Amino acid sequence: MSQQYAQKGTPNRIENIAIVGATGWSGKYIVESILKNGNQKITAITRSDSKAQMPSGITVKKVNYDDHASLTEALRGQDALIITMGARAPPTQQTKLIDAAAAANVPWILPNEFGNDNANETLRKDVMINAHKTQFRDLIQQLGKSSWIGICCGFWYEFSLGGGPDRYGFDIAKREVVFFDEGTQALSTSTWAQNGRGVANLLNLKIHREGEDDKSPCLTDFKEKFVYIASFVVSQKDMLESLLRVTKTEMKDWKVTYEDSHRRYEEGLAEFQKGDFRGMARAMYTRNFWADGLGNHAVTRGLDNEKLGLPKEDLDEATREAVRMAEDGTLATYG
């Protein structure tokens, strides 16, 4: 396909952005970064009965998800739709948003696609909670009105480190860690702030290049593709070393145990099939630490950090935030 260039007199930037989940775990960082860039208008799409307090500087449109016309009207005039939802949100909710975005002629959609490398068929198959996400990308393409972009950011670092042993294997309060295998397999992981900057800077790019001599990145580079970002490439042992520095503890203060990663994965799946959602978390996280390295998209795919102007972050600073959230109970409210 030949390169399409910007047309004179036609807007070449995203101007209006709608977001679902503007006050959620990841959504609030996305909103914060878009506002900081200062180049776009944000509309938060919320349920009609929502009591969420929105940040100043954004428009709020309340909708009825069972009313297609309500959703379509809320999305009319938007250049991009960002969908952020919890893992247990009804899948029909995202389908309704995509249908309405097509009816409203929204050209760009970032579906609820934040996390693992869902372009990798093996990883997608092994993590059941991710396998169903393909249907939403397919729906966007079938409707033919919008283009999708997925965000592969890995697991959120502070959430995963501070959220208990079912995630990165750490119980910070008890000073305990379960290493998967030897704890040396690295994966790619992002802070919430880096994820927010990544989305904001992506949507701040030009839509098309200005001409043949323009080599700068543009939004259409990522059309129907994944954007790969990360804050750190770290193993569990790297995380523990950071925790030792942040908490001013020593190895003798921590209880370290080891589990076979494949067995832990299978046991997690079995628990999930019995209805325990924690089993899915355990299986999903453990799978990304397997020796095949599929959880490390910085190596398997390469990162788009530089194209998006993302900063290098301080591991201990992010670990300190994870410790704070673990100790004050912030993460206990997440399912």
C-alpha atoms as a PDB file:
ATOM      1  CA  MET A   1       0.000   0.000   0.000  1.00  0.00           C
ATOM      2  CA  SER A   2       1.382   3.415  -0.966  1.00  0.00           C
ATOM      3  CA  GLN A   3       2.107   5.961   1.740  1.00  0.00           C
ATOM      4  CA  GLN A   4      -0.755   8.383   2.360  1.00  0.00           C
ATOM      5  CA  TYR A   5       0.298  11.930   3.158  1.00  0.00           C
ATOM      6  CA  ALA A   6      -1.530  14.724   4.943  1.00  0.00           C
ATOM      7  CA  GLN A   7      -3.878  16.718   2.714  1.00  0.00           C
ATOM      8  CA  LYS A   8      -3.647  20.489   2.712  1.00  0.00           C
ATOM      9  CA  GLY A   9      -6.567  22.030   4.578  1.00  0.00           C
ATOM     10  CA  THR A  10      -7.452  18.751   6.326  1.00  0.00           C
ATOM     11  CA  PRO A  11      -6.776  18.401  10.078  1.00  0.00           C
ATOM     12  CA  ASN A  12      -3.762  16.172  10.661  1.00  0.00           C
ATOM     13  CA  ARG A  13      -4.048  15.820  14.427  1.00  0.00           C
ATOM     14  CA  ILE A  14      -6.439  14.157  16.820  1.00  0.00           C
ATOM     15  CA  GLU A  15      -8.440  16.974  18.391  1.00  0.00           C
ATOM     16  CA  ASN A  16     -11.281  15.315  20.328  1.00  0.00           C
ATOM     17  CA  ILE A  17     -10.801  12.221  22.489  1.00  0.00           C
ATOM     18  CA  ALA A  18     -13.501  10.239  24.281  1.00  0.00           C
ATOM     19  CA  ILE A  19     -12.509   7.911  27.101  1.00  0.00           C
ATOM     20  CA  VAL A  20     -14.366   5.232  29.013  1.00  0.00           C
ATOM     21  CA  GLY A  21     -13.020   4.692  32.527  1.00  0.00           C
ATOM     22  CA  ALA A  22     -11.566   8.181  32.975  1.00  0.00           C
ATOM     23  CA  THR A  23     -11.239   7.775  36.752  1.00  0.00           C
ATOM     24  CA  GLY A  24     -10.155   4.118  36.738  1.00  0.00           C
ATOM     25  CA  TRP A  25      -6.778   2.631  37.598  1.00  0.00           C
ATOM     26  CA  SER A  26      -5.262   3.261  34.183  1.00  0.00           C
ATOM     27  CA  GLY A  27      -7.734   5.789  32.800  1.00  0.00           C
ATOM     28  CA  LYS A  28      -6.892   8.533  35.266  1.00  0.00           C
ATOM     29  CA  TYR A  29      -3.221   8.461  34.229  1.00  0.00           C
ATOM     30  CA  ILE A  30      -4.194   8.625  30.561  1.00  0.00           C
ATOM     31  CA  VAL A  31      -6.443  11.625  31.217  1.00  0.00           C
ATOM     32  CA  GLU A  32      -3.733  13.307  33.289  1.00  0.00           C
ATOM     33  CA  SER A  33      -1.169  12.917  30.496  1.00  0.00           C
ATOM     34  CA  ILE A  34      -3.507  14.125  27.743  1.00  0.00           C
ATOM     35  CA  LEU A  35      -4.355  17.195  29.827  1.00  0.00           C
ATOM     36  CA  LYS A  36      -0.665  17.794  30.461  1.00  0.00           C
ATOM     37  CA  ASN A  37       0.069  17.707  26.723  1.00  0.00           C
ATOM     38  CA  GLY A  38      -2.658  20.341  26.403  1.00  0.00           C
ATOM     39  CA  ASN A  39      -3.515  19.778  22.743  1.00  0.00           C
ATOM     40  CA  GLN A  40      -6.838  17.941  22.851  1.00  0.00           C
ATOM     41  CA  LYS A  41     -10.336  18.083  24.290  1.00  0.00           C
ATOM     42  CA  ILE A  42     -11.384  15.114  26.429  1.00  0.00           C
ATOM     43  CA  THR A  43     -14.890  13.744  26.862  1.00  0.00           C
ATOM     44  CA  ALA A  44     -15.479  11.201  29.631  1.00  0.00           C
ATOM     45  CA  ILE A  45     -18.181   8.661  28.796  1.00  0.00           C
ATOM     46  CA  THR A  46     -19.908   7.498  31.987  1.00  0.00           C
ATOM     47  CA  ARG A  47     -23.029   5.655  33.005  1.00  0.00           C
ATOM     48  CA  SER A  48     -26.062   7.807  33.738  1.00  0.00           C
ATOM     49  CA  ASP A  49     -25.955   6.783  37.418  1.00  0.00           C
ATOM     50  CA  SER A  50     -22.189   7.309  37.862  1.00  0.00           C
ATOM     51  CA  LYS A  51     -21.093   9.338  40.891  1.00  0.00           C
ATOM     52  CA  ALA A  52     -17.430   9.485  39.821  1.00  0.00           C
ATOM     53  CA  GLN A  53     -15.736  12.830  40.347  1.00  0.00           C
ATOM     54  CA  MET A  54     -14.087  13.912  37.119  1.00  0.00           C
ATOM     55  CA  PRO A  55     -10.991  16.116  36.908  1.00  0.00           C
ATOM     56  CA  SER A  56     -11.519  19.690  35.776  1.00  0.00           C
ATOM     57  CA  GLY A  57     -10.932  20.452  32.137  1.00  0.00           C
ATOM     58  CA  ILE A  58     -12.928  17.585  30.643  1.00  0.00           C
ATOM     59  CA  THR A  59     -16.478  17.243  29.342  1.00  0.00           C
ATOM     60  CA  VAL A  60     -18.719  14.556  30.827  1.00  0.00           C
ATOM     61  CA  LYS A  61     -21.388  12.735  28.818  1.00  0.00           C
ATOM     62  CA  LYS A  62     -23.625  10.287  30.658  1.00  0.00           C
ATOM     63  CA  VAL A  63     -24.996   7.393  28.653  1.00  0.00           C
ATOM     64  CA  ASN A  64     -27.279   4.405  28.809  1.00  0.00           C
ATOM     65  CA  TYR A  65     -25.366   1.383  27.522  1.00  0.00           C
ATOM     66  CA  ASP A  66     -28.623  -0.257  26.514  1.00  0.00           C
ATOM     67  CA  ASP A  67     -29.505   2.697  24.278  1.00  0.00           C
ATOM     68  CA  HIS A  68     -27.502   2.664  21.046  1.00  0.00           C
ATOM     69  CA  ALA A  69     -28.650   6.166  20.153  1.00  0.00           C
ATOM     70  CA  SER A  70     -27.442   7.486  23.511  1.00  0.00           C
ATOM     71  CA  LEU A  71     -23.980   6.046  22.976  1.00  0.00           C
ATOM     72  CA  THR A  72     -23.789   7.165  19.364  1.00  0.00           C
ATOM     73  CA  GLU A  73     -24.726  10.735  20.210  1.00  0.00           C
ATOM     74  CA  ALA A  74     -22.132  10.854  23.002  1.00  0.00           C
ATOM     75  CA  LEU A  75     -19.420   9.775  20.549  1.00  0.00           C
ATOM     76  CA  ARG A  76     -20.399  12.003  17.659  1.00  0.00           C
ATOM     77  CA  GLY A  77     -17.606  14.398  16.692  1.00  0.00           C
ATOM     78  CA  GLN A  78     -14.884  12.409  18.468  1.00  0.00           C
ATOM     79  CA  ASP A  79     -11.642  11.604  16.665  1.00  0.00           C
ATOM     80  CA  ALA A  80     -10.618   8.782  18.997  1.00  0.00           C
ATOM     81  CA  LEU A  81     -12.212   6.515  21.584  1.00  0.00           C
ATOM     82  CA  ILE A  82     -10.146   5.016  24.415  1.00  0.00           C
ATOM     83  CA  ILE A  83     -11.778   2.095  26.227  1.00  0.00           C
ATOM     84  CA  THR A  84     -10.453   1.140  29.668  1.00  0.00           C
ATOM     85  CA  MET A  85     -12.392  -1.444  31.677  1.00  0.00           C
ATOM     86  CA  GLY A  86     -11.792  -3.865  34.496  1.00  0.00           C
ATOM     87  CA  ALA A  87     -11.095  -7.511  33.747  1.00  0.00           C
ATOM     88  CA  ARG A  88     -14.582  -8.511  34.903  1.00  0.00           C
ATOM     89  CA  ALA A  89     -16.536  -5.932  32.908  1.00  0.00           C
ATOM     90  CA  PRO A  90     -19.269  -7.510  30.729  1.00  0.00           C
ATOM     91  CA  PRO A  91     -17.834  -8.021  27.225  1.00  0.00           C
ATOM     92  CA  THR A  92     -21.089  -6.753  25.688  1.00  0.00           C
ATOM     93  CA  GLN A  93     -20.263  -3.310  27.061  1.00  0.00           C
ATOM     94  CA  GLN A  94     -17.245  -2.969  24.806  1.00  0.00           C
ATOM     95  CA  THR A  95     -19.194  -4.345  21.838  1.00  0.00           C
ATOM     96  CA  LYS A  96     -21.847  -1.665  22.304  1.00  0.00           C
ATOM     97  CA  LEU A  97     -19.196   1.052  22.428  1.00  0.00           C
ATOM     98  CA  ILE A  98     -17.546  -0.192  19.233  1.00  0.00           C
ATOM     99  CA  ASP A  99     -20.910  -0.382  17.430  1.00  0.00           C
ATOM    100  CA  ALA A 100     -21.732   3.169  18.530  1.00  0.00           C
ATOM    101  CA  ALA A 101     -18.277   4.449  17.529  1.00  0.00           C
ATOM    102  CA  ALA A 102     -18.829   3.060  14.042  1.00  0.00           C
ATOM    103  CA  ALA A 103     -22.258   4.692  13.839  1.00  0.00           C
ATOM    104  CA  ALA A 104     -20.701   7.995  14.964  1.00  0.00           C
ATOM    105  CA  ASN A 105     -17.824   7.656  12.462  1.00  0.00           C
ATOM    106  CA  VAL A 106     -15.083   7.751  15.095  1.00  0.00           C
ATOM    107  CA  PRO A 107     -11.913   7.074  13.078  1.00  0.00           C
ATOM    108  CA  TRP A 108      -9.668   5.658  15.825  1.00  0.00           C
ATOM    109  CA  ILE A 109     -10.371   3.225  18.662  1.00  0.00           C
ATOM    110  CA  LEU A 110      -8.007   2.041  21.396  1.00  0.00           C
ATOM    111  CA  PRO A 111      -9.927  -1.019  22.641  1.00  0.00           C
ATOM    112  CA  ASN A 112      -9.563  -2.416  26.147  1.00  0.00           C
ATOM    113  CA  GLU A 113      -6.226  -3.884  25.082  1.00  0.00           C
ATOM    114  CA  PHE A 114      -3.695  -2.942  27.744  1.00  0.00           C
ATOM    115  CA  GLY A 115      -1.267  -5.592  28.960  1.00  0.00           C
ATOM    116  CA  ASN A 116       0.235  -8.667  27.332  1.00  0.00           C
ATOM    117  CA  ASP A 117       1.353  -9.088  23.734  1.00  0.00           C
ATOM    118  CA  ASN A 118      -1.997 -10.170  22.327  1.00  0.00           C
ATOM    119  CA  ALA A 119      -0.562 -10.224  18.824  1.00  0.00           C
ATOM    120  CA  ASN A 120       1.320 -13.360  19.921  1.00  0.00           C
ATOM    121  CA  GLU A 121      -0.952 -16.326  19.233  1.00  0.00           C
ATOM    122  CA  THR A 122       0.753 -18.661  21.725  1.00  0.00           C
ATOM    123  CA  LEU A 123       0.579 -16.206  24.604  1.00  0.00           C
ATOM    124  CA  ARG A 124      -2.989 -15.279  23.724  1.00  0.00           C
ATOM    125  CA  LYS A 125      -4.011 -18.940  23.744  1.00  0.00           C
ATOM    126  CA  ASP A 126      -2.329 -19.668  27.063  1.00  0.00           C
ATOM    127  CA  VAL A 127      -3.927 -16.702  28.848  1.00  0.00           C
ATOM    128  CA  MET A 128      -7.655 -17.295  28.503  1.00  0.00           C
ATOM    129  CA  ILE A 129      -8.656 -13.853  29.734  1.00  0.00           C
ATOM    130  CA  ASN A 130      -6.799 -12.357  26.760  1.00  0.00           C
ATOM    131  CA  ALA A 131      -7.972 -14.815  24.130  1.00  0.00           C
ATOM    132  CA  HIS A 132     -11.420 -13.223  23.821  1.00  0.00           C
ATOM    133  CA  LYS A 133      -9.993  -9.775  23.024  1.00  0.00           C
ATOM    134  CA  THR A 134      -9.455 -10.672  19.385  1.00  0.00           C
ATOM    135  CA  GLN A 135     -13.200 -10.452  18.783  1.00  0.00           C
ATOM    136  CA  PHE A 136     -13.227  -6.719  19.515  1.00  0.00           C
ATOM    137  CA  ARG A 137     -10.398  -5.944  17.107  1.00  0.00           C
ATOM    138  CA  ASP A 138     -12.136  -8.082  14.503  1.00  0.00           C
ATOM    139  CA  LEU A 139     -15.434  -6.258  15.077  1.00  0.00           C
ATOM    140  CA  ILE A 140     -13.796  -2.859  14.566  1.00  0.00           C
ATOM    141  CA  GLN A 141     -12.376  -4.008  11.240  1.00  0.00           C
ATOM    142  CA  GLN A 142     -15.626  -5.680  10.146  1.00  0.00           C
ATOM    143  CA  LEU A 143     -17.631  -2.513  10.756  1.00  0.00           C
ATOM    144  CA  GLY A 144     -15.125  -0.662   8.582  1.00  0.00           C
ATOM    145  CA  LYS A 145     -15.526   2.813  10.076  1.00  0.00           C
ATOM    146  CA  SER A 146     -12.666   2.867  12.578  1.00  0.00           C
ATOM    147  CA  SER A 147      -9.075   1.677  12.910  1.00  0.00           C
ATOM    148  CA  TRP A 148      -7.816   0.066  16.116  1.00  0.00           C
ATOM    149  CA  ILE A 149      -4.511   0.358  17.946  1.00  0.00           C
ATOM    150  CA  GLY A 150      -3.612  -1.989  20.804  1.00  0.00           C
ATOM    151  CA  ILE A 151      -1.343  -1.065  23.702  1.00  0.00           C
ATOM    152  CA  CYS A 152       1.102  -3.733  24.852  1.00  0.00           C
ATOM    153  CA  CYS A 153       2.558  -2.408  28.091  1.00  0.00           C
ATOM    154  CA  GLY A 154       2.992  -5.637  30.043  1.00  0.00           C
ATOM    155  CA  PHE A 155       1.611  -5.833  33.553  1.00  0.00           C
ATOM    156  CA  TRP A 156       1.380  -2.643  35.593  1.00  0.00           C
ATOM    157  CA  TYR A 157       4.409  -2.646  37.839  1.00  0.00           C
ATOM    158  CA  GLU A 158       3.183  -1.052  41.059  1.00  0.00           C
ATOM    159  CA  PHE A 159      -0.135  -2.927  40.906  1.00  0.00           C
ATOM    160  CA  SER A 160       1.573  -6.253  40.239  1.00  0.00           C
ATOM    161  CA  LEU A 161       4.396  -5.911  42.761  1.00  0.00           C
ATOM    162  CA  GLY A 162       2.256  -4.548  45.576  1.00  0.00           C
ATOM    163  CA  GLY A 163      -0.917  -6.510  44.928  1.00  0.00           C
ATOM    164  CA  GLY A 164      -0.044  -9.823  46.543  1.00  0.00           C
ATOM    165  CA  PRO A 165       1.586 -13.163  45.723  1.00  0.00           C
ATOM    166  CA  ASP A 166      -0.889 -14.098  42.967  1.00  0.00           C
ATOM    167  CA  ARG A 167       0.729 -11.437  40.777  1.00  0.00           C
ATOM    168  CA  TYR A 168       4.506 -11.002  40.851  1.00  0.00           C
ATOM    169  CA  GLY A 169       4.814 -13.461  43.736  1.00  0.00           C
ATOM    170  CA  PHE A 170       5.442 -10.934  46.538  1.00  0.00           C
ATOM    171  CA  ASP A 171       3.707 -10.462  49.870  1.00  0.00           C
ATOM    172  CA  ILE A 172       5.351  -7.224  50.959  1.00  0.00           C
ATOM    173  CA  ALA A 173       3.671  -7.057  54.375  1.00  0.00           C
ATOM    174  CA  LYS A 174       4.835 -10.556  55.303  1.00  0.00           C
ATOM    175  CA  ARG A 175       8.257 -10.124  53.638  1.00  0.00           C
ATOM    176  CA  GLU A 176       7.667 -13.245  51.542  1.00  0.00           C
ATOM    177  CA  VAL A 177       8.249 -14.042  47.876  1.00  0.00           C
ATOM    178  CA  VAL A 178       7.584 -17.070  45.697  1.00  0.00           C
ATOM    179  CA  PHE A 179      10.106 -17.277  42.873  1.00  0.00           C
ATOM    180  CA  PHE A 180       8.787 -18.910  39.713  1.00  0.00           C
ATOM    181  CA  ASP A 181      11.498 -21.406  38.803  1.00  0.00           C
ATOM    182  CA  GLU A 182      14.710 -19.582  39.815  1.00  0.00           C
ATOM    183  CA  GLY A 183      13.239 -16.078  39.687  1.00  0.00           C
ATOM    184  CA  THR A 184      15.655 -14.999  36.961  1.00  0.00           C
ATOM    185  CA  GLN A 185      13.377 -14.790  33.907  1.00  0.00           C
ATOM    186  CA  ALA A 186      12.811 -11.151  32.945  1.00  0.00           C
ATOM    187  CA  LEU A 187       9.628  -9.620  31.591  1.00  0.00           C
ATOM    188  CA  SER A 188       8.586  -6.178  30.351  1.00  0.00           C
ATOM    189  CA  THR A 189       6.443  -4.148  32.744  1.00  0.00           C
ATOM    190  CA  SER A 190       5.087  -0.591  32.859  1.00  0.00           C
ATOM    191  CA  THR A 191       4.020   1.860  35.517  1.00  0.00           C
ATOM    192  CA  TRP A 192       0.551   3.355  35.267  1.00  0.00           C
ATOM    193  CA  ALA A 193       2.155   6.734  34.590  1.00  0.00           C
ATOM    194  CA  GLN A 194       4.216   5.378  31.668  1.00  0.00           C
ATOM    195  CA  ASN A 195       1.132   3.744  30.201  1.00  0.00           C
ATOM    196  CA  GLY A 196      -0.710   7.066  30.466  1.00  0.00           C
ATOM    197  CA  ARG A 197       2.112   8.952  28.775  1.00  0.00           C
ATOM    198  CA  GLY A 198       2.328   6.318  26.067  1.00  0.00           C
ATOM    199  CA  VAL A 199      -1.358   6.609  25.133  1.00  0.00           C
ATOM    200  CA  ALA A 200      -1.335  10.416  25.337  1.00  0.00           C
ATOM    201  CA  ASN A 201       1.807  10.786  23.233  1.00  0.00           C
ATOM    202  CA  LEU A 202       0.550   8.264  20.689  1.00  0.00           C
ATOM    203  CA  LEU A 203      -2.638  10.258  20.137  1.00  0.00           C
ATOM    204  CA  ASN A 204      -0.589  13.454  20.025  1.00  0.00           C
ATOM    205  CA  LEU A 205       1.268  12.288  16.900  1.00  0.00           C
ATOM    206  CA  LYS A 206       0.441  13.577  13.446  1.00  0.00           C
ATOM    207  CA  ILE A 207      -2.086  11.319  11.748  1.00  0.00           C
ATOM    208  CA  HIS A 208      -0.175  11.240   8.441  1.00  0.00           C
ATOM    209  CA  ARG A 209       3.294  12.328   7.392  1.00  0.00           C
ATOM    210  CA  GLU A 210       3.553  15.720   5.725  1.00  0.00           C
ATOM    211  CA  GLY A 211       5.427  14.422   2.681  1.00  0.00           C
ATOM    212  CA  GLU A 212       8.185  12.166   1.384  1.00  0.00           C
ATOM    213  CA  ASP A 213      10.872  13.911   3.418  1.00  0.00           C
ATOM    214  CA  ASP A 214       8.932  13.597   6.687  1.00  0.00           C
ATOM    215  CA  LYS A 215      10.425  10.622   8.569  1.00  0.00           C
ATOM    216  CA  SER A 216       8.870  11.361  11.958  1.00  0.00           C
ATOM    217  CA  PRO A 217       6.463   8.800  13.469  1.00  0.00           C
ATOM    218  CA  CYS A 218       2.748   9.232  12.808  1.00  0.00           C
ATOM    219  CA  LEU A 219      -0.455   7.607  14.006  1.00  0.00           C
ATOM    220  CA  THR A 220      -0.994   5.634  10.817  1.00  0.00           C
ATOM    221  CA  ASP A 221       2.289   3.792  11.480  1.00  0.00           C
ATOM    222  CA  PHE A 222       0.368   1.934  14.187  1.00  0.00           C
ATOM    223  CA  LYS A 223      -2.920   1.392  12.346  1.00  0.00           C
ATOM    224  CA  GLU A 224      -4.293  -2.088  13.142  1.00  0.00           C
ATOM    225  CA  LYS A 225      -1.126  -2.859  15.106  1.00  0.00           C
ATOM    226  CA  PHE A 226       0.137  -2.920  18.661  1.00  0.00           C
ATOM    227  CA  VAL A 227       2.231  -0.229  20.272  1.00  0.00           C
ATOM    228  CA  TYR A 228       4.948  -1.727  22.512  1.00  0.00           C
ATOM    229  CA  ILE A 229       5.979   0.250  25.572  1.00  0.00           C
ATOM    230  CA  ALA A 230       7.592  -0.549  28.920  1.00  0.00           C
ATOM    231  CA  SER A 231       9.107   1.061  31.979  1.00  0.00           C
ATOM    232  CA  PHE A 232      11.432  -1.775  32.980  1.00  0.00           C
ATOM    233  CA  VAL A 233      12.730  -5.175  31.921  1.00  0.00           C
ATOM    234  CA  VAL A 234      13.148  -7.010  35.220  1.00  0.00           C
ATOM    235  CA  SER A 235      13.113 -10.440  36.826  1.00  0.00           C
ATOM    236  CA  GLN A 236      11.653 -11.319  40.213  1.00  0.00           C
ATOM    237  CA  LYS A 237      15.167 -11.232  41.644  1.00  0.00           C
ATOM    238  CA  ASP A 238      15.619  -7.715  40.273  1.00  0.00           C
ATOM    239  CA  MET A 239      12.371  -6.730  41.965  1.00  0.00           C
ATOM    240  CA  LEU A 240      13.485  -8.221  45.261  1.00  0.00           C
ATOM    241  CA  GLU A 241      16.784  -6.352  45.104  1.00  0.00           C
ATOM    242  CA  SER A 242      14.852  -3.136  44.584  1.00  0.00           C
ATOM    243  CA  LEU A 243      12.586  -3.980  47.519  1.00  0.00           C
ATOM    244  CA  LEU A 244      15.613  -4.562  49.734  1.00  0.00           C
ATOM    245  CA  ARG A 245      16.891  -1.089  48.882  1.00  0.00           C
ATOM    246  CA  VAL A 246      13.522   0.624  49.298  1.00  0.00           C
ATOM    247  CA  THR A 247      12.511  -1.106  52.540  1.00  0.00           C
ATOM    248  CA  LYS A 248      16.060  -1.080  53.925  1.00  0.00           C
ATOM    249  CA  THR A 249      15.831  -4.798  54.631  1.00  0.00           C
ATOM    250  CA  GLU A 250      18.223  -7.691  53.996  1.00  0.00           C
ATOM    251  CA  MET A 251      17.799 -11.132  52.479  1.00  0.00           C
ATOM    252  CA  LYS A 252      17.636 -12.663  55.942  1.00  0.00           C
ATOM    253  CA  ASP A 253      14.465 -10.628  56.575  1.00  0.00           C
ATOM    254  CA  TRP A 254      12.627 -12.297  53.684  1.00  0.00           C
ATOM    255  CA  LYS A 255      11.224 -15.793  53.281  1.00  0.00           C
ATOM    256  CA  VAL A 256      12.001 -17.039  49.765  1.00  0.00           C
ATOM    257  CA  THR A 257      10.358 -20.131  48.293  1.00  0.00           C
ATOM    258  CA  TYR A 258      10.409 -21.588  44.781  1.00  0.00           C
ATOM    259  CA  GLU A 259       7.712 -23.074  42.554  1.00  0.00           C
ATOM    260  CA  ASP A 260       7.847 -24.721  39.159  1.00  0.00           C
ATOM    261  CA  SER A 261       6.288 -22.166  36.815  1.00  0.00           C
ATOM    262  CA  HIS A 262       4.504 -24.707  34.614  1.00  0.00           C
ATOM    263  CA  ARG A 263       2.956 -26.485  37.573  1.00  0.00           C
ATOM    264  CA  ARG A 264       1.904 -23.167  39.147  1.00  0.00           C
ATOM    265  CA  TYR A 265       0.297 -22.163  35.847  1.00  0.00           C
ATOM    266  CA  GLU A 266      -1.680 -25.415  35.575  1.00  0.00           C
ATOM    267  CA  GLU A 267      -2.814 -25.212  39.195  1.00  0.00           C
ATOM    268  CA  GLY A 268      -3.968 -21.643  38.637  1.00  0.00           C
ATOM    269  CA  LEU A 269      -6.028 -22.631  35.615  1.00  0.00           C
ATOM    270  CA  ALA A 270      -7.638 -25.462  37.576  1.00  0.00           C
ATOM    271  CA  GLU A 271      -8.625 -23.053  40.346  1.00  0.00           C
ATOM    272  CA  PHE A 272     -10.060 -20.598  37.834  1.00  0.00           C
ATOM    273  CA  GLN A 273     -12.158 -23.333  36.242  1.00  0.00           C
ATOM    274  CA  LYS A 274     -13.661 -23.927  39.678  1.00  0.00           C
ATOM    275  CA  GLY A 275     -14.690 -20.268  39.819  1.00  0.00           C
ATOM    276  CA  ASP A 276     -11.760 -18.733  41.715  1.00  0.00           C
ATOM    277  CA  PHE A 277     -10.664 -15.651  39.756  1.00  0.00           C
ATOM    278  CA  ARG A 278      -7.406 -15.519  41.716  1.00  0.00           C
ATOM    279  CA  GLY A 279      -6.411 -18.713  39.933  1.00  0.00           C
ATOM    280  CA  MET A 280      -6.574 -16.908  36.589  1.00  0.00           C
ATOM    281  CA  ALA A 281      -4.353 -14.135  37.939  1.00  0.00           C
ATOM    282  CA  ARG A 282      -1.842 -16.696  39.186  1.00  0.00           C
ATOM    283  CA  ALA A 283      -1.830 -18.540  35.845  1.00  0.00           C
ATOM    284  CA  MET A 284      -1.654 -15.360  33.747  1.00  0.00           C
ATOM    285  CA  TYR A 285       1.238 -13.862  35.662  1.00  0.00           C
ATOM    286  CA  THR A 286       3.198 -17.085  35.921  1.00  0.00           C
ATOM    287  CA  ARG A 287       2.834 -17.763  32.184  1.00  0.00           C
ATOM    288  CA  ASN A 288       4.631 -14.516  31.411  1.00  0.00           C
ATOM    289  CA  PHE A 289       7.688 -15.670  33.369  1.00  0.00           C
ATOM    290  CA  TRP A 290       8.204 -18.855  31.363  1.00  0.00           C
ATOM    291  CA  ALA A 291      11.647 -19.408  29.892  1.00  0.00           C
ATOM    292  CA  ASP A 292      10.356 -18.911  26.325  1.00  0.00           C
ATOM    293  CA  GLY A 293      10.524 -15.165  27.053  1.00  0.00           C
ATOM    294  CA  LEU A 294       7.124 -14.306  25.550  1.00  0.00           C
ATOM    295  CA  GLY A 295       6.423 -12.003  28.485  1.00  0.00           C
ATOM    296  CA  ASN A 296       9.376  -9.823  27.530  1.00  0.00           C
ATOM    297  CA  HIS A 297       8.101  -7.839  24.537  1.00  0.00           C
ATOM    298  CA  ALA A 298      11.042  -5.452  24.789  1.00  0.00           C
ATOM    299  CA  VAL A 299      13.103  -8.343  23.380  1.00  0.00           C
ATOM    300  CA  THR A 300      10.549 -10.173  21.226  1.00  0.00           C
ATOM    301  CA  ARG A 301       9.113  -7.039  19.577  1.00  0.00           C
ATOM    302  CA  GLY A 302      11.254  -4.043  20.476  1.00  0.00           C
ATOM    303  CA  LEU A 303       9.896  -0.928  22.166  1.00  0.00           C
ATOM    304  CA  ASP A 304       8.253   2.181  20.747  1.00  0.00           C
ATOM    305  CA  ASN A 305       9.288   4.261  23.767  1.00  0.00           C
ATOM    306  CA  GLU A 306      11.651   6.466  21.792  1.00  0.00           C
ATOM    307  CA  LYS A 307       9.120   7.125  19.024  1.00  0.00           C
ATOM    308  CA  LEU A 308       6.658   8.273  21.667  1.00  0.00           C
ATOM    309  CA  GLY A 309       9.154  10.338  23.616  1.00  0.00           C
ATOM    310  CA  LEU A 310       8.763   8.295  26.795  1.00  0.00           C
ATOM    311  CA  PRO A 311      11.194   8.924  29.653  1.00  0.00           C
ATOM    312  CA  LYS A 312      13.418   6.424  31.420  1.00  0.00           C
ATOM    313  CA  GLU A 313      12.058   5.725  34.885  1.00  0.00           C
ATOM    314  CA  ASP A 314      13.628   4.906  38.220  1.00  0.00           C
ATOM    315  CA  LEU A 315      12.945   1.336  39.343  1.00  0.00           C
ATOM    316  CA  ASP A 316      13.277   2.074  43.060  1.00  0.00           C
ATOM    317  CA  GLU A 317      10.886   5.000  42.791  1.00  0.00           C
ATOM    318  CA  ALA A 318       8.260   2.727  41.222  1.00  0.00           C
ATOM    319  CA  THR A 319       8.958   0.053  43.847  1.00  0.00           C
ATOM    320  CA  ARG A 320       8.507   2.662  46.576  1.00  0.00           C
ATOM    321  CA  GLU A 321       5.067   3.459  45.183  1.00  0.00           C
ATOM    322  CA  ALA A 322       4.175  -0.249  45.121  1.00  0.00           C
ATOM    323  CA  VAL A 323       5.218  -0.579  48.765  1.00  0.00           C
ATOM    324  CA  ARG A 324       3.121   2.456  49.708  1.00  0.00           C
ATOM    325  CA  MET A 325       0.068   1.050  47.950  1.00  0.00           C
ATOM    326  CA  ALA A 326       0.568  -2.364  49.524  1.00  0.00           C
ATOM    327  CA  GLU A 327       0.894  -0.905  53.011  1.00  0.00           C
ATOM    328  CA  ASP A 328      -1.978   1.574  52.889  1.00  0.00           C
ATOM    329  CA  GLY A 329      -4.453  -0.885  51.398  1.00  0.00           C
ATOM    330  CA  THR A 330      -4.905   0.969  48.098  1.00  0.00           C
ATOM    331  CA  LEU A 331      -4.692  -2.230  46.071  1.00  0.00           C
ATOM    332  CA  ALA A 332      -6.997  -4.211  48.347  1.00  0.00           C
ATOM    333  CA  THR A 333      -9.981  -2.596  46.599  1.00  0.00           C
ATOM    334  CA  TYR A 334      -9.025  -4.122  43.262  1.00  0.00           C
ATOM    335  CA  GLY A 335     -10.766  -7.438  42.577  1.00  0.00           C
END
